[in-house]
């Protein structure tokens, strides 16, 4: 059974539970900044989203 979640939901959950349970380390700050870029309406957002999707495809071993 496959479950599909948007990347921003995963980033938001990591951020929420990380802040509730831990003192925010550097990696968590980077994850939250990535989420901000994904939500932002800037000229960099499409490039970041494309790069993230490509990275996920490489990790999962899927191709388009």
PDB file of N, CA and C in Angstrom:
ATOM      1  N   UNK A   1       0.843  -1.181   0.000  1.00  0.00           N
ATOM      2  CA  UNK A   1       0.000   0.000   0.000  1.00  0.00           C
ATOM      3  C   UNK A   1       0.887   1.242   0.000  1.00  0.00           C
ATOM      4  N   UNK A   2       0.658   2.116  -0.944  1.00  0.00           N
ATOM      5  CA  UNK A   2       1.422   3.353  -1.040  1.00  0.00           C
ATOM      6  C   UNK A   2       0.645   4.497  -0.421  1.00  0.00           C
ATOM      7  N   UNK A   3       1.348   5.331   0.309  1.00  0.00           N
ATOM      8  CA  UNK A   3       0.762   6.536   0.884  1.00  0.00           C
ATOM      9  C   UNK A   3       1.529   7.713   0.310  1.00  0.00           C
ATOM     10  N   UNK A   4       0.814   8.633  -0.313  1.00  0.00           N
ATOM     11  CA  UNK A   4       1.458   9.800  -0.902  1.00  0.00           C
ATOM     12  C   UNK A   4       1.148  11.029  -0.060  1.00  0.00           C
ATOM     13  N   UNK A   5       2.216  11.715   0.363  1.00  0.00           N
ATOM     14  CA  UNK A   5       2.083  12.950   1.114  1.00  0.00           C
ATOM     15  C   UNK A   5       2.860  14.043   0.395  1.00  0.00           C
ATOM     16  N   UNK A   6       2.310  15.241   0.349  1.00  0.00           N
ATOM     17  CA  UNK A   6       3.091  16.344  -0.208  1.00  0.00           C
ATOM     18  C   UNK A   6       4.335  16.595   0.667  1.00  0.00           C
ATOM     19  N   UNK A   7       5.407  17.013   0.035  1.00  0.00           N
ATOM     20  CA  UNK A   7       6.650  17.245   0.760  1.00  0.00           C
ATOM     21  C   UNK A   7       6.462  18.262   1.876  1.00  0.00           C
ATOM     22  N   UNK A   8       5.654  19.277   1.659  1.00  0.00           N
ATOM     23  CA  UNK A   8       5.483  20.308   2.673  1.00  0.00           C
ATOM     24  C   UNK A   8       4.822  19.751   3.927  1.00  0.00           C
ATOM     25  N   UNK A   9       3.967  18.738   3.803  1.00  0.00           N
ATOM     26  CA  UNK A   9       3.350  18.111   4.982  1.00  0.00           C
ATOM     27  C   UNK A   9       4.418  17.401   5.804  1.00  0.00           C
ATOM     28  N   UNK A  10       5.310  16.691   5.144  1.00  0.00           N
ATOM     29  CA  UNK A  10       6.398  16.004   5.834  1.00  0.00           C
ATOM     30  C   UNK A  10       7.301  17.015   6.531  1.00  0.00           C
ATOM     31  N   UNK A  11       7.652  18.095   5.842  1.00  0.00           N
ATOM     32  CA  UNK A  11       8.505  19.129   6.428  1.00  0.00           C
ATOM     33  C   UNK A  11       7.819  19.777   7.627  1.00  0.00           C
ATOM     34  N   UNK A  12       6.524  20.056   7.515  1.00  0.00           N
ATOM     35  CA  UNK A  12       5.787  20.667   8.619  1.00  0.00           C
ATOM     36  C   UNK A  12       5.722  19.738   9.828  1.00  0.00           C
ATOM     37  N   UNK A  13       5.498  18.457   9.610  1.00  0.00           N
ATOM     38  CA  UNK A  13       5.452  17.508  10.725  1.00  0.00           C
ATOM     39  C   UNK A  13       6.812  17.388  11.411  1.00  0.00           C
ATOM     40  N   UNK A  14       7.872  17.321  10.631  1.00  0.00           N
ATOM     41  CA  UNK A  14       9.218  17.272  11.215  1.00  0.00           C
ATOM     42  C   UNK A  14       9.475  18.528  12.045  1.00  0.00           C
ATOM     43  N   UNK A  15       9.107  19.667  11.521  1.00  0.00           N
ATOM     44  CA  UNK A  15       9.296  20.923  12.249  1.00  0.00           C
ATOM     45  C   UNK A  15       8.489  20.988  13.527  1.00  0.00           C
ATOM     46  N   UNK A  16       7.223  20.603  13.467  1.00  0.00           N
ATOM     47  CA  UNK A  16       6.354  20.660  14.643  1.00  0.00           C
ATOM     48  C   UNK A  16       6.871  19.758  15.761  1.00  0.00           C
ATOM     49  N   UNK A  17       7.116  18.489  15.428  1.00  0.00           N
ATOM     50  CA  UNK A  17       7.568  17.559  16.462  1.00  0.00           C
ATOM     51  C   UNK A  17       8.995  17.862  16.920  1.00  0.00           C
ATOM     52  N   UNK A  18       9.820  18.371  16.031  1.00  0.00           N
ATOM     53  CA  UNK A  18      11.171  18.744  16.425  1.00  0.00           C
ATOM     54  C   UNK A  18      11.193  19.879  17.429  1.00  0.00           C
ATOM     55  N   UNK A  19      10.361  20.873  17.217  1.00  0.00           N
ATOM     56  CA  UNK A  19      10.301  22.005  18.145  1.00  0.00           C
ATOM     57  C   UNK A  19       9.669  21.588  19.466  1.00  0.00           C
ATOM     58  N   UNK A  20       8.651  20.734  19.423  1.00  0.00           N
ATOM     59  CA  UNK A  20       7.985  20.286  20.653  1.00  0.00           C
ATOM     60  C   UNK A  20       8.882  19.400  21.507  1.00  0.00           C
ATOM     61  N   UNK A  21       9.705  18.575  20.893  1.00  0.00           N
ATOM     62  CA  UNK A  21      10.465  17.578  21.642  1.00  0.00           C
ATOM     63  C   UNK A  21      11.928  17.939  21.865  1.00  0.00           C
ATOM     64  N   UNK A  22      12.481  18.782  21.041  1.00  0.00           N
ATOM     65  CA  UNK A  22      13.912  19.062  21.086  1.00  0.00           C
ATOM     66  C   UNK A  22      14.188  20.545  21.101  1.00  0.00           C
ATOM     67  N   UNK A  23      15.343  20.892  21.564  1.00  0.00           N
ATOM     68  CA  UNK A  23      15.848  22.236  21.319  1.00  0.00           C
ATOM     69  C   UNK A  23      16.299  22.237  19.864  1.00  0.00           C
ATOM     70  N   UNK A  24      15.810  23.166  19.047  1.00  0.00           N
ATOM     71  CA  UNK A  24      16.065  23.072  17.604  1.00  0.00           C
ATOM     72  C   UNK A  24      17.556  23.045  17.236  1.00  0.00           C
ATOM     73  N   UNK A  25      18.025  21.946  16.663  1.00  0.00           N
ATOM     74  CA  UNK A  25      19.404  21.890  16.165  1.00  0.00           C
ATOM     75  C   UNK A  25      19.494  22.510  14.771  1.00  0.00           C
ATOM     76  N   UNK A  26      20.706  22.583  14.272  1.00  0.00           N
ATOM     77  CA  UNK A  26      20.943  23.228  12.984  1.00  0.00           C
ATOM     78  C   UNK A  26      20.207  22.530  11.850  1.00  0.00           C
ATOM     79  N   UNK A  27      20.183  21.184  11.831  1.00  0.00           N
ATOM     80  CA  UNK A  27      19.525  20.467  10.738  1.00  0.00           C
ATOM     81  C   UNK A  27      18.035  20.776  10.691  1.00  0.00           C
ATOM     82  N   UNK A  28      17.413  20.979  11.849  1.00  0.00           N
ATOM     83  CA  UNK A  28      15.993  21.294  11.879  1.00  0.00           C
ATOM     84  C   UNK A  28      15.734  22.685  11.310  1.00  0.00           C
ATOM     85  N   UNK A  29      16.616  23.606  11.613  1.00  0.00           N
ATOM     86  CA  UNK A  29      16.483  24.951  11.057  1.00  0.00           C
ATOM     87  C   UNK A  29      16.580  24.905   9.538  1.00  0.00           C
ATOM     88  N   UNK A  30      17.501  24.095   9.008  1.00  0.00           N
ATOM     89  CA  UNK A  30      17.648  23.955   7.554  1.00  0.00           C
ATOM     90  C   UNK A  30      16.372  23.370   6.945  1.00  0.00           C
ATOM     91  N   UNK A  31      15.781  22.360   7.599  1.00  0.00           N
ATOM     92  CA  UNK A  31      14.536  21.748   7.101  1.00  0.00           C
ATOM     93  C   UNK A  31      13.411  22.780   7.076  1.00  0.00           C
ATOM     94  N   UNK A  32      13.303  23.590   8.113  1.00  0.00           N
ATOM     95  CA  UNK A  32      12.253  24.608   8.157  1.00  0.00           C
ATOM     96  C   UNK A  32      12.475  25.692   7.104  1.00  0.00           C
ATOM     97  N   UNK A  33      13.725  26.056   6.869  1.00  0.00           N
ATOM     98  CA  UNK A  33      14.003  27.026   5.816  1.00  0.00           C
ATOM     99  C   UNK A  33      13.656  26.472   4.442  1.00  0.00           C
ATOM    100  N   UNK A  34      13.926  25.183   4.228  1.00  0.00           N
ATOM    101  CA  UNK A  34      13.543  24.549   2.965  1.00  0.00           C
ATOM    102  C   UNK A  34      12.025  24.598   2.791  1.00  0.00           C
ATOM    103  N   UNK A  35      11.294  24.340   3.852  1.00  0.00           N
ATOM    104  CA  UNK A  35       9.834  24.445   3.788  1.00  0.00           C
ATOM    105  C   UNK A  35       9.380  25.851   3.449  1.00  0.00           C
ATOM    106  N   UNK A  36      10.061  26.845   4.000  1.00  0.00           N
ATOM    107  CA  UNK A  36       9.737  28.234   3.683  1.00  0.00           C
ATOM    108  C   UNK A  36       9.967  28.556   2.218  1.00  0.00           C
ATOM    109  N   UNK A  37      11.063  28.030   1.679  1.00  0.00           N
ATOM    110  CA  UNK A  37      11.324  28.254   0.262  1.00  0.00           C
ATOM    111  C   UNK A  37      10.273  27.576  -0.608  1.00  0.00           C
ATOM    112  N   UNK A  38       9.831  26.394  -0.209  1.00  0.00           N
ATOM    113  CA  UNK A  38       8.824  25.698  -1.000  1.00  0.00           C
ATOM    114  C   UNK A  38       7.497  26.449  -1.002  1.00  0.00           C
ATOM    115  N   UNK A  39       7.208  27.151   0.073  1.00  0.00           N
ATOM    116  CA  UNK A  39       5.964  27.916   0.146  1.00  0.00           C
ATOM    117  C   UNK A  39       6.080  29.305  -0.466  1.00  0.00           C
ATOM    118  N   UNK A  40       7.290  29.783  -0.565  1.00  0.00           N
ATOM    119  CA  UNK A  40       7.504  31.157  -1.035  1.00  0.00           C
ATOM    120  C   UNK A  40       7.198  31.289  -2.523  1.00  0.00           C
ATOM    121  N   UNK A  41       6.792  32.470  -2.890  1.00  0.00           N
ATOM    122  CA  UNK A  41       6.513  32.752  -4.300  1.00  0.00           C
ATOM    123  C   UNK A  41       7.650  33.598  -4.853  1.00  0.00           C
ATOM    124  N   UNK A  42       8.820  32.954  -4.961  1.00  0.00           N
ATOM    125  CA  UNK A  42       9.989  33.654  -5.482  1.00  0.00           C
ATOM    126  C   UNK A  42      10.439  32.978  -6.763  1.00  0.00           C
ATOM    127  N   UNK A  43      11.396  33.598  -7.441  1.00  0.00           N
ATOM    128  CA  UNK A  43      11.922  33.002  -8.667  1.00  0.00           C
ATOM    129  C   UNK A  43      12.759  31.760  -8.366  1.00  0.00           C
ATOM    130  N   UNK A  44      13.221  31.582  -7.129  1.00  0.00           N
ATOM    131  CA  UNK A  44      14.003  30.408  -6.763  1.00  0.00           C
ATOM    132  C   UNK A  44      13.143  29.197  -6.403  1.00  0.00           C
ATOM    133  N   UNK A  45      11.896  29.411  -6.032  1.00  0.00           N
ATOM    134  CA  UNK A  45      11.039  28.324  -5.569  1.00  0.00           C
ATOM    135  C   UNK A  45      10.878  27.194  -6.595  1.00  0.00           C
ATOM    136  N   UNK A  46      10.628  27.477  -7.875  1.00  0.00           N
ATOM    137  CA  UNK A  46      10.513  26.375  -8.832  1.00  0.00           C
ATOM    138  C   UNK A  46      11.800  25.564  -8.970  1.00  0.00           C
ATOM    139  N   UNK A  47      12.940  26.219  -8.914  1.00  0.00           N
ATOM    140  CA  UNK A  47      14.212  25.500  -9.018  1.00  0.00           C
ATOM    141  C   UNK A  47      14.451  24.621  -7.800  1.00  0.00           C
ATOM    142  N   UNK A  48      14.123  25.122  -6.612  1.00  0.00           N
ATOM    143  CA  UNK A  48      14.292  24.338  -5.387  1.00  0.00           C
ATOM    144  C   UNK A  48      13.336  23.152  -5.397  1.00  0.00           C
ATOM    145  N   UNK A  49      12.088  23.382  -5.801  1.00  0.00           N
ATOM    146  CA  UNK A  49      11.112  22.288  -5.848  1.00  0.00           C
ATOM    147  C   UNK A  49      11.533  21.227  -6.863  1.00  0.00           C
ATOM    148  N   UNK A  50      12.002  21.658  -8.013  1.00  0.00           N
ATOM    149  CA  UNK A  50      12.454  20.718  -9.032  1.00  0.00           C
ATOM    150  C   UNK A  50      13.645  19.900  -8.544  1.00  0.00           C
ATOM    151  N   UNK A  51      14.586  20.565  -7.906  1.00  0.00           N
ATOM    152  CA  UNK A  51      15.751  19.866  -7.367  1.00  0.00           C
ATOM    153  C   UNK A  51      15.377  18.879  -6.273  1.00  0.00           C
ATOM    154  N   UNK A  52      14.428  19.259  -5.430  1.00  0.00           N
ATOM    155  CA  UNK A  52      13.966  18.369  -4.368  1.00  0.00           C
ATOM    156  C   UNK A  52      13.274  17.153  -4.955  1.00  0.00           C
ATOM    157  N   UNK A  53      12.418  17.373  -5.946  1.00  0.00           N
ATOM    158  CA  UNK A  53      11.732  16.237  -6.590  1.00  0.00           C
ATOM    159  C   UNK A  53      12.732  15.301  -7.269  1.00  0.00           C
ATOM    160  N   UNK A  54      13.731  15.870  -7.920  1.00  0.00           N
ATOM    161  CA  UNK A  54      14.751  15.045  -8.560  1.00  0.00           C
ATOM    162  C   UNK A  54      15.523  14.238  -7.522  1.00  0.00           C
ATOM    163  N   UNK A  55      15.851  14.875  -6.413  1.00  0.00           N
ATOM    164  CA  UNK A  55      16.542  14.172  -5.338  1.00  0.00           C
ATOM    165  C   UNK A  55      15.723  13.044  -4.761  1.00  0.00           C
ATOM    166  N   UNK A  56      14.429  13.273  -4.575  1.00  0.00           N
ATOM    167  CA  UNK A  56      13.541  12.216  -4.068  1.00  0.00           C
ATOM    168  C   UNK A  56      13.446  11.084  -5.075  1.00  0.00           C
ATOM    169  N   UNK A  57      13.349  11.402  -6.355  1.00  0.00           N
ATOM    170  CA  UNK A  57      13.314  10.376  -7.393  1.00  0.00           C
ATOM    171  C   UNK A  57      14.590   9.547  -7.406  1.00  0.00           C
ATOM    172  N   UNK A  58      15.726  10.203  -7.224  1.00  0.00           N
ATOM    173  CA  UNK A  58      17.001   9.478  -7.203  1.00  0.00           C
ATOM    174  C   UNK A  58      17.053   8.536  -5.999  1.00  0.00           C
ATOM    175  N   UNK A  59      16.638   9.027  -4.834  1.00  0.00           N
ATOM    176  CA  UNK A  59      16.651   8.198  -3.624  1.00  0.00           C
ATOM    177  C   UNK A  59      15.688   7.022  -3.766  1.00  0.00           C
ATOM    178  N   UNK A  60      14.515   7.280  -4.321  1.00  0.00           N
ATOM    179  CA  UNK A  60      13.515   6.211  -4.477  1.00  0.00           C
ATOM    180  C   UNK A  60      13.795   5.298  -5.661  1.00  0.00           C
ATOM    181  N   UNK A  61      14.669   5.687  -6.542  1.00  0.00           N
ATOM    182  CA  UNK A  61      14.991   4.882  -7.712  1.00  0.00           C
ATOM    183  C   UNK A  61      13.926   4.919  -8.782  1.00  0.00           C
ATOM    184  N   UNK A  62      13.145   5.990  -8.821  1.00  0.00           N
ATOM    185  CA  UNK A  62      12.099   6.130  -9.842  1.00  0.00           C
ATOM    186  C   UNK A  62      12.561   7.133 -10.891  1.00  0.00           C
ATOM    187  N   UNK A  63      12.032   6.969 -12.077  1.00  0.00           N
ATOM    188  CA  UNK A  63      12.338   7.911 -13.160  1.00  0.00           C
ATOM    189  C   UNK A  63      11.054   8.386 -13.790  1.00  0.00           C
ATOM    190  N   UNK A  64      11.109   9.553 -14.394  1.00  0.00           N
ATOM    191  CA  UNK A  64       9.930  10.097 -15.084  1.00  0.00           C
ATOM    192  C   UNK A  64      10.170  10.073 -16.567  1.00  0.00           C
TER     193      UNK A  64
END
